[in-house]
PDB file of N, CA and C in Angstrom:
ATOM      1  N   MET A   1      97.488 120.292  91.900  1.00  0.00           N
ATOM      2  CA  MET A   1      97.457 119.009  92.601  1.00  0.00           C
ATOM      3  C   MET A   1      96.054 118.430  92.523  1.00  0.00           C
ATOM      4  N   ARG A   2      95.993 117.147  92.412  1.00  0.00           N
ATOM      5  CA  ARG A   2      94.683 116.512  92.309  1.00  0.00           C
ATOM      6  C   ARG A   2      94.250 115.954  93.660  1.00  0.00           C
ATOM      7  N   SER A   3      92.944 115.832  93.842  1.00  0.00           N
ATOM      8  CA  SER A   3      92.410 115.236  95.058  1.00  0.00           C
ATOM      9  C   SER A   3      92.924 113.816  95.180  1.00  0.00           C
ATOM     10  N   GLY A   4      93.298 113.425  96.384  1.00  0.00           N
ATOM     11  CA  GLY A   4      93.791 112.079  96.614  1.00  0.00           C
ATOM     12  C   GLY A   4      95.301 111.991  96.645  1.00  0.00           C
ATOM     13  N   ASP A   5      96.009 113.037  96.228  1.00  0.00           N
ATOM     14  CA  ASP A   5      97.470 113.034  96.230  1.00  0.00           C
ATOM     15  C   ASP A   5      97.976 113.641  97.547  1.00  0.00           C
ATOM     16  N   LEU A   6      97.715 112.950  98.648  1.00  0.00           N
ATOM     17  CA  LEU A   6      98.016 113.466  99.981  1.00  0.00           C
ATOM     18  C   LEU A   6      99.493 113.799 100.160  1.00  0.00           C
ATOM     19  N   LYS A   7     100.381 112.939  99.706  1.00  0.00           N
ATOM     20  CA  LYS A   7     101.815 113.186  99.879  1.00  0.00           C
ATOM     21  C   LYS A   7     102.227 114.510  99.247  1.00  0.00           C
ATOM     22  N   GLU A   8     101.713 114.781  98.066  1.00  0.00           N
ATOM     23  CA  GLU A   8     102.046 116.031  97.380  1.00  0.00           C
ATOM     24  C   GLU A   8     101.523 117.236  98.156  1.00  0.00           C
ATOM     25  N   TYR A   9     100.293 117.133  98.659  1.00  0.00           N
ATOM     26  CA  TYR A   9      99.740 118.214  99.469  1.00  0.00           C
ATOM     27  C   TYR A   9     100.585 118.433 100.722  1.00  0.00           C
ATOM     28  N   LEU A  10     100.965 117.362 101.397  1.00  0.00           N
ATOM     29  CA  LEU A  10     101.749 117.487 102.636  1.00  0.00           C
ATOM     30  C   LEU A  10     103.143 118.042 102.375  1.00  0.00           C
ATOM     31  N   ARG A  11     103.691 117.785 101.208  1.00  0.00           N
ATOM     32  CA  ARG A  11     105.013 118.335 100.865  1.00  0.00           C
ATOM     33  C   ARG A  11     104.938 119.837 100.591  1.00  0.00           C
ATOM     34  N   LYS A  12     103.836 120.283 100.009  1.00  0.00           N
ATOM     35  CA  LYS A  12     103.746 121.673  99.549  1.00  0.00           C
ATOM     36  C   LYS A  12     102.982 122.611 100.470  1.00  0.00           C
ATOM     37  N   LEU A  13     102.059 122.065 101.277  1.00  0.00           N
ATOM     38  CA  LEU A  13     101.196 122.916 102.091  1.00  0.00           C
ATOM     39  C   LEU A  13     101.378 122.632 103.578  1.00  0.00           C
ATOM     40  N   PRO A  14     101.124 123.642 104.416  1.00  0.00           N
ATOM     41  CA  PRO A  14     101.166 123.404 105.863  1.00  0.00           C
ATOM     42  C   PRO A  14      99.995 122.517 106.292  1.00  0.00           C
ATOM     43  N   LEU A  15     100.081 121.992 107.515  1.00  0.00           N
ATOM     44  CA  LEU A  15      99.085 121.069 108.032  1.00  0.00           C
ATOM     45  C   LEU A  15      98.562 121.555 109.376  1.00  0.00           C
ATOM     46  N   CYS A  16      97.250 121.519 109.543  1.00  0.00           N
ATOM     47  CA  CYS A  16      96.594 121.806 110.822  1.00  0.00           C
ATOM     48  C   CYS A  16      96.012 120.495 111.337  1.00  0.00           C
ATOM     49  N   LEU A  17      96.274 120.214 112.591  1.00  0.00           N
ATOM     50  CA  LEU A  17      95.827 118.962 113.196  1.00  0.00           C
ATOM     51  C   LEU A  17      94.940 119.219 114.398  1.00  0.00           C
ATOM     52  N   PRO A  18      94.071 118.267 114.712  1.00  0.00           N
ATOM     53  CA  PRO A  18      93.394 118.341 116.004  1.00  0.00           C
ATOM     54  C   PRO A  18      94.434 118.120 117.092  1.00  0.00           C
ATOM     55  N   SER A  19      94.214 118.698 118.247  1.00  0.00           N
ATOM     56  CA  SER A  19      95.200 118.601 119.323  1.00  0.00           C
ATOM     57  C   SER A  19      95.307 117.175 119.849  1.00  0.00           C
ATOM     58  N   LYS A  20      96.299 116.949 120.668  1.00  0.00           N
ATOM     59  CA  LYS A  20      96.534 115.627 121.244  1.00  0.00           C
ATOM     60  C   LYS A  20      95.409 115.214 122.195  1.00  0.00           C
ATOM     61  N   SER A  21      94.525 116.129 122.575  1.00  0.00           N
ATOM     62  CA  SER A  21      93.396 115.779 123.437  1.00  0.00           C
ATOM     63  C   SER A  21      92.283 115.048 122.673  1.00  0.00           C
ATOM     64  N   PHE A  22      92.301 115.066 121.336  1.00  0.00           N
ATOM     65  CA  PHE A  22      91.315 114.345 120.541  1.00  0.00           C
ATOM     66  C   PHE A  22      91.603 112.852 120.624  1.00  0.00           C
ATOM     67  N   GLU A  23      90.560 112.064 120.812  1.00  0.00           N
ATOM     68  CA  GLU A  23      90.739 110.619 120.965  1.00  0.00           C
ATOM     69  C   GLU A  23      91.320 109.964 119.725  1.00  0.00           C
ATOM     70  N   THR A  24      91.140 110.559 118.569  1.00  0.00           N
ATOM     71  CA  THR A  24      91.627 109.962 117.328  1.00  0.00           C
ATOM     72  C   THR A  24      93.042 110.402 116.959  1.00  0.00           C
ATOM     73  N   ARG A  25      93.633 111.273 117.724  1.00  0.00           N
ATOM     74  CA  ARG A  25      94.944 111.811 117.356  1.00  0.00           C
ATOM     75  C   ARG A  25      96.021 110.730 117.215  1.00  0.00           C
ATOM     76  N   PRO A  26      96.117 109.743 118.131  1.00  0.00           N
ATOM     77  CA  PRO A  26      97.151 108.715 117.932  1.00  0.00           C
ATOM     78  C   PRO A  26      97.005 107.970 116.597  1.00  0.00           C
ATOM     79  N   GLU A  27      95.771 107.650 116.211  1.00  0.00           N
ATOM     80  CA  GLU A  27      95.554 106.981 114.936  1.00  0.00           C
ATOM     81  C   GLU A  27      95.892 107.893 113.764  1.00  0.00           C
ATOM     82  N   LEU A  28      95.582 109.182 113.906  1.00  0.00           N
ATOM     83  CA  LEU A  28      95.909 110.151 112.863  1.00  0.00           C
ATOM     84  C   LEU A  28      97.426 110.289 112.721  1.00  0.00           C
ATOM     85  N   ASP A  29      98.131 110.344 113.844  1.00  0.00           N
ATOM     86  CA  ASP A  29      99.601 110.424 113.789  1.00  0.00           C
ATOM     87  C   ASP A  29     100.187 109.200 113.093  1.00  0.00           C
ATOM     88  N   ALA A  30      99.646 108.026 113.393  1.00  0.00           N
ATOM     89  CA  ALA A  30     100.124 106.791 112.755  1.00  0.00           C
ATOM     90  C   ALA A  30      99.843 106.825 111.250  1.00  0.00           C
ATOM     91  N   PHE A  31      98.660 107.313 110.866  1.00  0.00           N
ATOM     92  CA  PHE A  31      98.307 107.439 109.451  1.00  0.00           C
ATOM     93  C   PHE A  31      99.302 108.361 108.743  1.00  0.00           C
ATOM     94  N   LEU A  32      99.594 109.508 109.352  1.00  0.00           N
ATOM     95  CA  LEU A  32     100.542 110.451 108.746  1.00  0.00           C
ATOM     96  C   LEU A  32     101.942 109.856 108.661  1.00  0.00           C
ATOM     97  N   GLU A  33     102.334 109.095 109.648  1.00  0.00           N
ATOM     98  CA  GLU A  33     103.651 108.455 109.637  1.00  0.00           C
ATOM     99  C   GLU A  33     103.770 107.486 108.462  1.00  0.00           C
ATOM    100  N   ARG A  34     102.688 106.805 108.148  1.00  0.00           N
ATOM    101  CA  ARG A  34     102.713 105.859 107.024  1.00  0.00           C
ATOM    102  C   ARG A  34     102.903 106.556 105.684  1.00  0.00           C
ATOM    103  N   THR A  35     102.628 107.870 105.614  1.00  0.00           N
ATOM    104  CA  THR A  35     102.826 108.598 104.351  1.00  0.00           C
ATOM    105  C   THR A  35     104.306 108.816 104.062  1.00  0.00           C
ATOM    106  N   LYS A  36     105.156 108.662 105.075  1.00  0.00           N
ATOM    107  CA  LYS A  36     106.612 108.847 104.939  1.00  0.00           C
ATOM    108  C   LYS A  36     106.985 110.284 104.559  1.00  0.00           C
ATOM    109  N   VAL A  37     106.086 111.227 104.846  1.00  0.00           N
ATOM    110  CA  VAL A  37     106.344 112.649 104.605  1.00  0.00           C
ATOM    111  C   VAL A  37     106.358 113.344 105.957  1.00  0.00           C
ATOM    112  N   ILE A  38     107.315 114.226 106.167  1.00  0.00           N
ATOM    113  CA  ILE A  38     107.346 115.011 107.409  1.00  0.00           C
ATOM    114  C   ILE A  38     106.567 116.294 107.152  1.00  0.00           C
ATOM    115  N   PRO A  39     105.351 116.389 107.707  1.00  0.00           N
ATOM    116  CA  PRO A  39     104.515 117.565 107.411  1.00  0.00           C
ATOM    117  C   PRO A  39     104.977 118.806 108.173  1.00  0.00           C
ATOM    118  N   ASN A  40     104.635 119.955 107.629  1.00  0.00           N
ATOM    119  CA  ASN A  40     104.891 121.245 108.267  1.00  0.00           C
ATOM    120  C   ASN A  40     103.644 121.602 109.084  1.00  0.00           C
ATOM    121  N   VAL A  41     103.598 121.140 110.339  1.00  0.00           N
ATOM    122  CA  VAL A  41     102.431 121.370 111.195  1.00  0.00           C
ATOM    123  C   VAL A  41     102.472 122.808 111.701  1.00  0.00           C
ATOM    124  N   ILE A  42     101.458 123.575 111.345  1.00  0.00           N
ATOM    125  CA  ILE A  42     101.420 124.982 111.754  1.00  0.00           C
ATOM    126  C   ILE A  42     100.471 125.229 112.916  1.00  0.00           C
ATOM    127  N   ALA A  43      99.588 124.251 113.210  1.00  0.00           N
ATOM    128  CA  ALA A  43      98.647 124.446 114.315  1.00  0.00           C
ATOM    129  C   ALA A  43      98.116 123.099 114.793  1.00  0.00           C
ATOM    130  N   GLU A  44      97.873 123.038 116.090  1.00  0.00           N
ATOM    131  CA  GLU A  44      97.152 121.938 116.711  1.00  0.00           C
ATOM    132  C   GLU A  44      95.992 122.578 117.450  1.00  0.00           C
ATOM    133  N   VAL A  45      94.784 122.219 117.057  1.00  0.00           N
ATOM    134  CA  VAL A  45      93.596 122.942 117.482  1.00  0.00           C
ATOM    135  C   VAL A  45      92.697 122.042 118.329  1.00  0.00           C
ATOM    136  N   ASP A  46      92.133 122.612 119.410  1.00  0.00           N
ATOM    137  CA  ASP A  46      91.298 121.867 120.349  1.00  0.00           C
ATOM    138  C   ASP A  46      89.822 121.822 119.996  1.00  0.00           C
ATOM    139  N   ASP A  47      89.408 122.472 118.930  1.00  0.00           N
ATOM    140  CA  ASP A  47      87.991 122.662 118.683  1.00  0.00           C
ATOM    141  C   ASP A  47      87.658 122.408 117.214  1.00  0.00           C
ATOM    142  N   ILE A  48      86.618 121.628 116.966  1.00  0.00           N
ATOM    143  CA  ILE A  48      86.197 121.323 115.595  1.00  0.00           C
ATOM    144  C   ILE A  48      85.820 122.600 114.841  1.00  0.00           C
ATOM    145  N   ALA A  49      85.133 123.521 115.503  1.00  0.00           N
ATOM    146  CA  ALA A  49      84.724 124.768 114.839  1.00  0.00           C
ATOM    147  C   ALA A  49      85.946 125.579 114.397  1.00  0.00           C
ATOM    148  N   LEU A  50      86.978 125.601 115.220  1.00  0.00           N
ATOM    149  CA  LEU A  50      88.199 126.326 114.851  1.00  0.00           C
ATOM    150  C   LEU A  50      88.946 125.592 113.737  1.00  0.00           C
ATOM    151  N   LEU A  51      88.962 124.269 113.777  1.00  0.00           N
ATOM    152  CA  LEU A  51      89.554 123.508 112.671  1.00  0.00           C
ATOM    153  C   LEU A  51      88.829 123.830 111.367  1.00  0.00           C
ATOM    154  N   ARG A  52      87.516 123.974 111.450  1.00  0.00           N
ATOM    155  CA  ARG A  52      86.710 124.312 110.274  1.00  0.00           C
ATOM    156  C   ARG A  52      87.144 125.659 109.693  1.00  0.00           C
ATOM    157  N   ILE A  53      87.369 126.631 110.568  1.00  0.00           N
ATOM    158  CA  ILE A  53      87.820 127.948 110.105  1.00  0.00           C
ATOM    159  C   ILE A  53      89.189 127.834 109.441  1.00  0.00           C
ATOM    160  N   PHE A  54      90.094 127.055 110.045  1.00  0.00           N
ATOM    161  CA  PHE A  54      91.403 126.831 109.420  1.00  0.00           C
ATOM    162  C   PHE A  54      91.225 126.196 108.040  1.00  0.00           C
ATOM    163  N   ALA A  55      90.334 125.218 107.936  1.00  0.00           N
ATOM    164  CA  ALA A  55      90.108 124.537 106.660  1.00  0.00           C
ATOM    165  C   ALA A  55      89.626 125.519 105.598  1.00  0.00           C
ATOM    166  N   ILE A  56      88.750 126.418 105.986  1.00  0.00           N
ATOM    167  CA  ILE A  56      88.155 127.353 105.029  1.00  0.00           C
ATOM    168  C   ILE A  56      89.116 128.473 104.645  1.00  0.00           C
ATOM    169  N   ARG A  57      89.882 128.973 105.614  1.00  0.00           N
ATOM    170  CA  ARG A  57      90.614 130.226 105.379  1.00  0.00           C
ATOM    171  C   ARG A  57      92.133 130.134 105.337  1.00  0.00           C
ATOM    172  N   SER A  58      92.718 129.020 105.755  1.00  0.00           N
ATOM    173  CA  SER A  58      94.178 129.013 105.914  1.00  0.00           C
ATOM    174  C   SER A  58      94.950 128.605 104.674  1.00  0.00           C
ATOM    175  N   GLY A  59      94.322 127.886 103.756  1.00  0.00           N
ATOM    176  CA  GLY A  59      95.064 127.359 102.617  1.00  0.00           C
ATOM    177  C   GLY A  59      95.906 126.151 102.984  1.00  0.00           C
ATOM    178  N   ALA A  60      95.716 125.648 104.189  1.00  0.00           N
ATOM    179  CA  ALA A  60      96.466 124.491 104.678  1.00  0.00           C
ATOM    180  C   ALA A  60      95.648 123.217 104.496  1.00  0.00           C
ATOM    181  N   VAL A  61      96.328 122.096 104.610  1.00  0.00           N
ATOM    182  CA  VAL A  61      95.644 120.812 104.716  1.00  0.00           C
ATOM    183  C   VAL A  61      95.183 120.719 106.163  1.00  0.00           C
ATOM    184  N   VAL A  62      93.940 120.345 106.383  1.00  0.00           N
ATOM    185  CA  VAL A  62      93.391 120.279 107.737  1.00  0.00           C
ATOM    186  C   VAL A  62      92.797 118.896 107.967  1.00  0.00           C
ATOM    187  N   ALA A  63      93.248 118.250 109.028  1.00  0.00           N
ATOM    188  CA  ALA A  63      92.689 116.951 109.405  1.00  0.00           C
ATOM    189  C   ALA A  63      91.461 117.220 110.265  1.00  0.00           C
ATOM    190  N   ILE A  64      90.296 116.961 109.688  1.00  0.00           N
ATOM    191  CA  ILE A  64      89.039 117.268 110.370  1.00  0.00           C
ATOM    192  C   ILE A  64      87.995 116.223 109.977  1.00  0.00           C
ATOM    193  N   PRO A  65      87.127 115.839 110.910  1.00  0.00           N
ATOM    194  CA  PRO A  65      86.046 114.926 110.527  1.00  0.00           C
ATOM    195  C   PRO A  65      85.159 115.572 109.463  1.00  0.00           C
ATOM    196  N   GLU A  66      84.725 114.783 108.495  1.00  0.00           N
ATOM    197  CA  GLU A  66      83.867 115.322 107.434  1.00  0.00           C
ATOM    198  C   GLU A  66      82.641 116.014 107.997  1.00  0.00           C
ATOM    199  N   MET A  67      82.120 115.497 109.111  1.00  0.00           N
ATOM    200  CA  MET A  67      80.937 116.090 109.725  1.00  0.00           C
ATOM    201  C   MET A  67      81.175 117.572 110.052  1.00  0.00           C
ATOM    202  N   GLY A  68      82.411 117.944 110.340  1.00  0.00           N
ATOM    203  CA  GLY A  68      82.725 119.326 110.702  1.00  0.00           C
ATOM    204  C   GLY A  68      82.674 120.297 109.540  1.00  0.00           C
ATOM    205  N   VAL A  69      82.750 119.790 108.306  1.00  0.00           N
ATOM    206  CA  VAL A  69      82.766 120.662 107.127  1.00  0.00           C
ATOM    207  C   VAL A  69      81.811 120.170 106.037  1.00  0.00           C
ATOM    208  N   ILE A  70      80.743 119.531 106.442  1.00  0.00           N
ATOM    209  CA  ILE A  70      79.822 118.909 105.490  1.00  0.00           C
ATOM    210  C   ILE A  70      79.251 119.916 104.487  1.00  0.00           C
ATOM    211  N   ASN A  71      78.894 121.099 104.938  1.00  0.00           N
ATOM    212  CA  ASN A  71      78.334 122.107 104.011  1.00  0.00           C
ATOM    213  C   ASN A  71      79.372 122.581 103.011  1.00  0.00           C
ATOM    214  N   GLU A  72      80.600 122.791 103.468  1.00  0.00           N
ATOM    215  CA  GLU A  72      81.668 123.261 102.584  1.00  0.00           C
ATOM    216  C   GLU A  72      82.039 122.201 101.548  1.00  0.00           C
ATOM    217  N   LEU A  73      81.897 120.930 101.903  1.00  0.00           N
ATOM    218  CA  LEU A  73      82.144 119.857 100.941  1.00  0.00           C
ATOM    219  C   LEU A  73      81.033 119.817  99.895  1.00  0.00           C
ATOM    220  N   LYS A  74      79.800 120.038 100.333  1.00  0.00           N
ATOM    221  CA  LYS A  74      78.670 120.039  99.399  1.00  0.00           C
ATOM    222  C   LYS A  74      78.786 121.175  98.388  1.00  0.00           C
ATOM    223  N   THR A  75      79.226 122.355  98.849  1.00  0.00           N
ATOM    224  CA  THR A  75      79.350 123.507  97.958  1.00  0.00           C
ATOM    225  C   THR A  75      80.683 123.527  97.215  1.00  0.00           C
ATOM    226  N   ARG A  76      81.530 122.546  97.496  1.00  0.00           N
ATOM    227  CA  ARG A  76      82.864 122.414  96.894  1.00  0.00           C
ATOM    228  C   ARG A  76      83.801 123.557  97.253  1.00  0.00           C
ATOM    229  N   ASP A  77      83.528 124.217  98.373  1.00  0.00           N
ATOM    230  CA  ASP A  77      84.471 125.208  98.890  1.00  0.00           C
ATOM    231  C   ASP A  77      85.697 124.502  99.460  1.00  0.00           C
ATOM    232  N   LEU A  78      85.526 123.236  99.852  1.00  0.00           N
ATOM    233  CA  LEU A  78      86.628 122.395 100.330  1.00  0.00           C
ATOM    234  C   LEU A  78      86.569 121.071  99.586  1.00  0.00           C
ATOM    235  N   ILE A  79      87.729 120.410  99.505  1.00  0.00           N
ATOM    236  CA  ILE A  79      87.766 119.071  98.925  1.00  0.00           C
ATOM    237  C   ILE A  79      88.408 118.120  99.928  1.00  0.00           C
ATOM    238  N   VAL A  80      88.081 116.856  99.788  1.00  0.00           N
ATOM    239  CA  VAL A  80      88.725 115.818 100.590  1.00  0.00           C
ATOM    240  C   VAL A  80      89.961 115.387  99.815  1.00  0.00           C
ATOM    241  N   VAL A  81      91.124 115.579 100.425  1.00  0.00           N
ATOM    242  CA  VAL A  81      92.381 115.184  99.794  1.00  0.00           C
ATOM    243  C   VAL A  81      92.608 113.698  99.999  1.00  0.00           C
ATOM    244  N   ALA A  82      92.322 113.233 101.202  1.00  0.00           N
ATOM    245  CA  ALA A  82      92.479 111.808 101.523  1.00  0.00           C
ATOM    246  C   ALA A  82      91.625 111.492 102.731  1.00  0.00           C
ATOM    247  N   LYS A  83      91.226 110.234 102.816  1.00  0.00           N
ATOM    248  CA  LYS A  83      90.500 109.766 103.995  1.00  0.00           C
ATOM    249  C   LYS A  83      91.417 108.830 104.757  1.00  0.00           C
ATOM    250  N   ALA A  84      91.511 109.071 106.045  1.00  0.00           N
ATOM    251  CA  ALA A  84      92.333 108.222 106.905  1.00  0.00           C
ATOM    252  C   ALA A  84      91.512 107.004 107.285  1.00  0.00           C
ATOM    253  N   SER A  85      91.759 105.881 106.651  1.00  0.00           N
ATOM    254  CA  SER A  85      90.960 104.683 106.922  1.00  0.00           C
ATOM    255  C   SER A  85      91.208 104.184 108.338  1.00  0.00           C
ATOM    256  N   GLY A  86      90.146 103.687 108.936  1.00  0.00           N
ATOM    257  CA  GLY A  86      90.255 103.129 110.280  1.00  0.00           C
ATOM    258  C   GLY A  86      90.164 104.146 111.395  1.00  0.00           C
ATOM    259  N   ILE A  87      89.943 105.414 111.062  1.00  0.00           N
ATOM    260  CA  ILE A  87      89.831 106.457 112.083  1.00  0.00           C
ATOM    261  C   ILE A  87      88.403 106.986 112.047  1.00  0.00           C
ATOM    262  N   ALA A  88      87.748 106.950 113.199  1.00  0.00           N
ATOM    263  CA  ALA A  88      86.381 107.456 113.285  1.00  0.00           C
ATOM    264  C   ALA A  88      86.244 108.318 114.533  1.00  0.00           C
ATOM    265  N   GLN A  89      85.793 109.539 114.346  1.00  0.00           N
ATOM    266  CA  GLN A  89      85.550 110.446 115.458  1.00  0.00           C
ATOM    267  C   GLN A  89      84.207 110.121 116.074  1.00  0.00           C
ATOM    268  N   LYS A  90      84.161 109.967 117.392  1.00  0.00           N
ATOM    269  CA  LYS A  90      82.900 109.702 118.075  1.00  0.00           C
ATOM    270  C   LYS A  90      82.300 111.013 118.554  1.00  0.00           C
ATOM    271  N   PHE A  91      80.995 111.131 118.408  1.00  0.00           N
ATOM    272  CA  PHE A  91      80.269 112.293 118.896  1.00  0.00           C
ATOM    273  C   PHE A  91      79.245 111.804 119.897  1.00  0.00           C
ATOM    274  N   TYR A  92      79.019 112.585 120.935  1.00  0.00           N
ATOM    275  CA  TYR A  92      78.122 112.176 122.004  1.00  0.00           C
ATOM    276  C   TYR A  92      76.997 113.186 122.158  1.00  0.00           C
ATOM    277  N   ALA A  93      75.816 112.682 122.481  1.00  0.00           N
ATOM    278  CA  ALA A  93      74.675 113.530 122.804  1.00  0.00           C
ATOM    279  C   ALA A  93      74.382 113.354 124.287  1.00  0.00           C
ATOM    280  N   VAL A  94      74.315 114.458 124.990  1.00  0.00           N
ATOM    281  CA  VAL A  94      74.026 114.428 126.422  1.00  0.00           C
ATOM    282  C   VAL A  94      72.610 114.935 126.611  1.00  0.00           C
ATOM    283  N   THR A  95      71.822 114.148 127.312  1.00  0.00           N
ATOM    284  CA  THR A  95      70.436 114.534 127.543  1.00  0.00           C
ATOM    285  C   THR A  95      70.154 114.582 129.034  1.00  0.00           C
ATOM    286  N   ARG A  96      69.077 115.215 129.386  1.00  0.00           N
ATOM    287  CA  ARG A  96      68.648 115.226 130.784  1.00  0.00           C
ATOM    288  C   ARG A  96      67.181 114.822 130.824  1.00  0.00           C
ATOM    289  N   GLN A  97      66.763 114.377 131.970  1.00  0.00           N
ATOM    290  CA  GLN A  97      65.375 113.937 132.136  1.00  0.00           C
ATOM    291  C   GLN A  97      64.446 115.136 131.946  1.00  0.00           C
ATOM    292  N   ARG A  98      63.400 114.963 131.174  1.00  0.00           N
ATOM    293  CA  ARG A  98      62.452 116.041 130.916  1.00  0.00           C
ATOM    294  C   ARG A  98      61.093 115.662 131.472  1.00  0.00           C
ATOM    295  N   GLN A  99      60.339 116.675 131.819  1.00  0.00           N
ATOM    296  CA  GLN A  99      58.987 116.429 132.308  1.00  0.00           C
ATOM    297  C   GLN A  99      58.114 115.853 131.194  1.00  0.00           C
ATOM    298  N   PHE A 100      58.261 116.400 129.995  1.00  0.00           N
ATOM    299  CA  PHE A 100      57.525 115.914 128.837  1.00  0.00           C
ATOM    300  C   PHE A 100      58.531 115.319 127.859  1.00  0.00           C
ATOM    301  N   ARG A 101      58.450 114.048 127.648  1.00  0.00           N
ATOM    302  CA  ARG A 101      59.402 113.360 126.781  1.00  0.00           C
ATOM    303  C   ARG A 101      59.086 113.632 125.315  1.00  0.00           C
ATOM    304  N   ASN A 102      60.117 113.687 124.536  1.00  0.00           N
ATOM    305  CA  ASN A 102      59.985 113.863 123.098  1.00  0.00           C
ATOM    306  C   ASN A 102      60.170 112.493 122.450  1.00  0.00           C
ATOM    307  N   PRO A 103      59.102 111.883 121.940  1.00  0.00           N
ATOM    308  CA  PRO A 103      59.204 110.530 121.404  1.00  0.00           C
ATOM    309  C   PRO A 103      60.186 110.413 120.234  1.00  0.00           C
ATOM    310  N   LEU A 104      60.270 111.429 119.404  1.00  0.00           N
ATOM    311  CA  LEU A 104      61.193 111.389 118.272  1.00  0.00           C
ATOM    312  C   LEU A 104      62.642 111.378 118.761  1.00  0.00           C
ATOM    313  N   ALA A 105      62.959 112.238 119.733  1.00  0.00           N
ATOM    314  CA  ALA A 105      64.311 112.272 120.293  1.00  0.00           C
ATOM    315  C   ALA A 105      64.638 110.957 120.987  1.00  0.00           C
ATOM    316  N   GLU A 106      63.692 110.399 121.723  1.00  0.00           N
ATOM    317  CA  GLU A 106      63.919 109.118 122.401  1.00  0.00           C
ATOM    318  C   GLU A 106      64.195 108.008 121.393  1.00  0.00           C
ATOM    319  N   LYS A 107      63.454 107.990 120.296  1.00  0.00           N
ATOM    320  CA  LYS A 107      63.652 106.978 119.259  1.00  0.00           C
ATOM    321  C   LYS A 107      65.045 107.110 118.643  1.00  0.00           C
ATOM    322  N   LEU A 108      65.468 108.329 118.354  1.00  0.00           N
ATOM    323  CA  LEU A 108      66.797 108.576 117.792  1.00  0.00           C
ATOM    324  C   LEU A 108      67.891 108.132 118.753  1.00  0.00           C
ATOM    325  N   ILE A 109      67.782 108.513 120.020  1.00  0.00           N
ATOM    326  CA  ILE A 109      68.780 108.144 121.016  1.00  0.00           C
ATOM    327  C   ILE A 109      68.847 106.630 121.182  1.00  0.00           C
ATOM    328  N   GLU A 110      67.709 105.982 121.188  1.00  0.00           N
ATOM    329  CA  GLU A 110      67.695 104.513 121.331  1.00  0.00           C
ATOM    330  C   GLU A 110      68.319 103.844 120.114  1.00  0.00           C
ATOM    331  N   SER A 111      68.083 104.362 118.921  1.00  0.00           N
ATOM    332  CA  SER A 111      68.685 103.765 117.721  1.00  0.00           C
ATOM    333  C   SER A 111      70.198 103.947 117.737  1.00  0.00           C
ATOM    334  N   ILE A 112      70.673 105.071 118.264  1.00  0.00           N
ATOM    335  CA  ILE A 112      72.117 105.294 118.379  1.00  0.00           C
ATOM    336  C   ILE A 112      72.710 104.331 119.403  1.00  0.00           C
ATOM    337  N   ARG A 113      72.036 104.129 120.515  1.00  0.00           N
ATOM    338  CA  ARG A 113      72.506 103.188 121.532  1.00  0.00           C
ATOM    339  C   ARG A 113      72.637 101.782 120.959  1.00  0.00           C
ATOM    340  N   ARG A 114      71.679 101.402 120.102  1.00  0.00           N
ATOM    341  CA  ARG A 114      71.696 100.056 119.502  1.00  0.00           C
ATOM    342  C   ARG A 114      72.680  99.975 118.348  1.00  0.00           C
ATOM    343  N   GLY A 115      73.178 101.135 117.906  1.00  0.00           N
ATOM    344  CA  GLY A 115      74.102 101.161 116.768  1.00  0.00           C
ATOM    345  C   GLY A 115      73.425 101.087 115.429  1.00  0.00           C
ATOM    346  N   THR A 116      72.148 101.420 115.392  1.00  0.00           N
ATOM    347  CA  THR A 116      71.411 101.371 114.122  1.00  0.00           C
ATOM    348  C   THR A 116      71.067 102.756 113.623  1.00  0.00           C
ATOM    349  N   GLY A 117      71.544 103.810 114.315  1.00  0.00           N
ATOM    350  CA  GLY A 117      71.164 105.169 113.942  1.00  0.00           C
ATOM    351  C   GLY A 117      72.087 105.899 113.133  1.00  0.00           C
TER     352      GLY A 117
END
C-alpha cells in the first residue's frame, strides 16, 4: 500500500483512535465518516504517549497528532498515511509565577498568546 491511500489502509488494517475525551475527536469521526469505510477500531486511547506506542508497535493505523511522533516520522519508522484537513490539536503550557523570571520563556509564551509563535 502506498502512503496517502487511507481507504485501503482502513480496509486492511485495524485503527487506533484518541478517546472521545479528546477535543478533536468529533472532527476526526466526521473525517473518517467521509471516507465511507467502516474501520475496525481496536482501541480508543486517552493519552498521546500511549497512542505513540500503538503507532510504533501495533501495526495499526493510528490517528495521532504529528507532534506526538515527530521523531519516528523523521527516522521513517512511521509514515503519514493521510492528514485530516481542518483538524488541529491544541496544546497548552501551564506556568506559575516565579521569583526570577526567565525572559526567553516569557517571550515564547507571549508570542504564543499573540498567535505568532
